[in-house]
Amino acid sequence: MLIENIRARYRLFVNGSANPIYINLGGLGVVGTGIYLQANGGSYEQYGKTMWRGRVSAAGTAGDLLLVTEGI
């Protein structure tokens, strides 16, 4: 989970696992709900007008790997 960061200017989420992952902006991550990241490299990028600076959480299968880059 990423906490709120009003200084964030860029975020990149990449699914590094063999299962789908779901991102939720503002609430708790729930499998099957939110922004879908396909397995093996699915990604979601935030910047400019798409930038969400609130809390971000994710849900998937135990052992899944979500890679996150955040720029300030």
C-alpha atoms as a PDB file:
ATOM      1  CA  MET A   1       0.000   0.000   0.000  1.00  0.00           C
ATOM      2  CA  LEU A   2       1.173   3.533  -0.761  1.00  0.00           C
ATOM      3  CA  ILE A   3       0.194   6.246   1.677  1.00  0.00           C
ATOM      4  CA  GLU A   4      -1.112   9.647   0.611  1.00  0.00           C
ATOM      5  CA  ASN A   5       1.617  11.794  -0.957  1.00  0.00           C
ATOM      6  CA  ILE A   6       0.607  15.280  -2.092  1.00  0.00           C
ATOM      7  CA  ARG A   7       4.101  15.812  -3.540  1.00  0.00           C
ATOM      8  CA  ALA A   8       3.928  12.831  -5.912  1.00  0.00           C
ATOM      9  CA  ARG A   9       4.287  13.794  -9.593  1.00  0.00           C
ATOM     10  CA  TYR A  10       4.590  10.366 -11.211  1.00  0.00           C
ATOM     11  CA  ARG A  11       3.727   6.749 -10.395  1.00  0.00           C
ATOM     12  CA  LEU A  12       4.204   3.559 -12.374  1.00  0.00           C
ATOM     13  CA  PHE A  13       2.745   0.217 -11.289  1.00  0.00           C
ATOM     14  CA  VAL A  14       3.938  -2.976 -13.027  1.00  0.00           C
ATOM     15  CA  ASN A  15       2.635  -6.471 -12.346  1.00  0.00           C
ATOM     16  CA  GLY A  16       5.677  -8.721 -12.005  1.00  0.00           C
ATOM     17  CA  SER A  17       3.718 -11.897 -11.276  1.00  0.00           C
ATOM     18  CA  ALA A  18       1.948 -14.656 -13.188  1.00  0.00           C
ATOM     19  CA  ASN A  19      -1.485 -13.617 -11.824  1.00  0.00           C
ATOM     20  CA  PRO A  20      -3.618 -10.502 -12.335  1.00  0.00           C
ATOM     21  CA  ILE A  21      -3.436  -7.728  -9.722  1.00  0.00           C
ATOM     22  CA  TYR A  22      -6.092  -5.092  -8.992  1.00  0.00           C
ATOM     23  CA  ILE A  23      -5.273  -1.536  -7.849  1.00  0.00           C
ATOM     24  CA  ASN A  24      -7.686   0.538  -5.788  1.00  0.00           C
ATOM     25  CA  LEU A  25      -7.367   4.315  -5.476  1.00  0.00           C
ATOM     26  CA  GLY A  26      -8.459   5.475  -2.038  1.00  0.00           C
ATOM     27  CA  GLY A  27      -9.808   2.236  -0.578  1.00  0.00           C
ATOM     28  CA  LEU A  28      -8.689  -1.285   0.134  1.00  0.00           C
ATOM     29  CA  GLY A  29      -7.644  -3.505  -2.752  1.00  0.00           C
ATOM     30  CA  VAL A  30     -10.155  -6.239  -3.625  1.00  0.00           C
ATOM     31  CA  VAL A  31      -9.611  -8.996  -6.192  1.00  0.00           C
ATOM     32  CA  GLY A  32     -11.888  -8.412  -9.180  1.00  0.00           C
ATOM     33  CA  THR A  33     -12.447  -4.697  -8.434  1.00  0.00           C
ATOM     34  CA  GLY A  34     -10.541  -1.589  -9.488  1.00  0.00           C
ATOM     35  CA  ILE A  35      -7.797  -1.086 -12.037  1.00  0.00           C
ATOM     36  CA  TYR A  36      -6.848  -4.414 -13.620  1.00  0.00           C
ATOM     37  CA  LEU A  37      -3.177  -5.190 -14.241  1.00  0.00           C
ATOM     38  CA  GLN A  38      -2.746  -8.223 -16.448  1.00  0.00           C
ATOM     39  CA  ALA A  39      -0.226 -10.874 -15.459  1.00  0.00           C
ATOM     40  CA  ASN A  40       3.430 -10.746 -16.532  1.00  0.00           C
ATOM     41  CA  GLY A  41       3.946  -7.040 -17.126  1.00  0.00           C
ATOM     42  CA  GLY A  42       0.558  -5.322 -17.061  1.00  0.00           C
ATOM     43  CA  SER A  43       1.080  -1.694 -16.063  1.00  0.00           C
ATOM     44  CA  TYR A  44      -0.670   1.491 -15.006  1.00  0.00           C
ATOM     45  CA  GLU A  45       0.934   4.942 -15.147  1.00  0.00           C
ATOM     46  CA  GLN A  46      -0.113   8.153 -13.384  1.00  0.00           C
ATOM     47  CA  TYR A  47       1.077  11.666 -14.210  1.00  0.00           C
ATOM     48  CA  GLY A  48      -0.329  15.112 -14.972  1.00  0.00           C
ATOM     49  CA  LYS A  49      -4.123  15.132 -14.883  1.00  0.00           C
ATOM     50  CA  THR A  50      -4.293  11.370 -14.170  1.00  0.00           C
ATOM     51  CA  MET A  51      -2.227  11.752 -10.973  1.00  0.00           C
ATOM     52  CA  TRP A  52      -3.890  10.374  -7.850  1.00  0.00           C
ATOM     53  CA  ARG A  53      -2.119  11.532  -4.689  1.00  0.00           C
ATOM     54  CA  GLY A  54      -4.213   9.631  -2.151  1.00  0.00           C
ATOM     55  CA  ARG A  55      -3.740   6.171  -0.718  1.00  0.00           C
ATOM     56  CA  VAL A  56      -3.266   3.316  -3.202  1.00  0.00           C
ATOM     57  CA  SER A  57      -3.695  -0.365  -2.359  1.00  0.00           C
ATOM     58  CA  ALA A  58      -3.600  -3.565  -4.387  1.00  0.00           C
ATOM     59  CA  ALA A  59      -4.940  -7.106  -4.239  1.00  0.00           C
ATOM     60  CA  GLY A  60      -3.968 -10.327  -5.933  1.00  0.00           C
ATOM     61  CA  THR A  61      -2.831 -13.819  -5.039  1.00  0.00           C
ATOM     62  CA  ALA A  62      -0.452 -14.521  -2.151  1.00  0.00           C
ATOM     63  CA  GLY A  63       3.132 -14.106  -3.323  1.00  0.00           C
ATOM     64  CA  ASP A  64       2.314 -11.776  -6.238  1.00  0.00           C
ATOM     65  CA  LEU A  65       4.814  -9.018  -7.026  1.00  0.00           C
ATOM     66  CA  LEU A  66       3.723  -5.440  -7.724  1.00  0.00           C
ATOM     67  CA  LEU A  67       6.571  -3.107  -8.725  1.00  0.00           C
ATOM     68  CA  VAL A  68       6.027   0.599  -7.979  1.00  0.00           C
ATOM     69  CA  THR A  69       8.027   3.648  -9.017  1.00  0.00           C
ATOM     70  CA  GLU A  70       7.097   7.029  -7.537  1.00  0.00           C
ATOM     71  CA  GLY A  71       8.612  10.362  -8.529  1.00  0.00           C
ATOM     72  CA  ILE A  72       8.435  13.536  -6.481  1.00  0.00           C
END
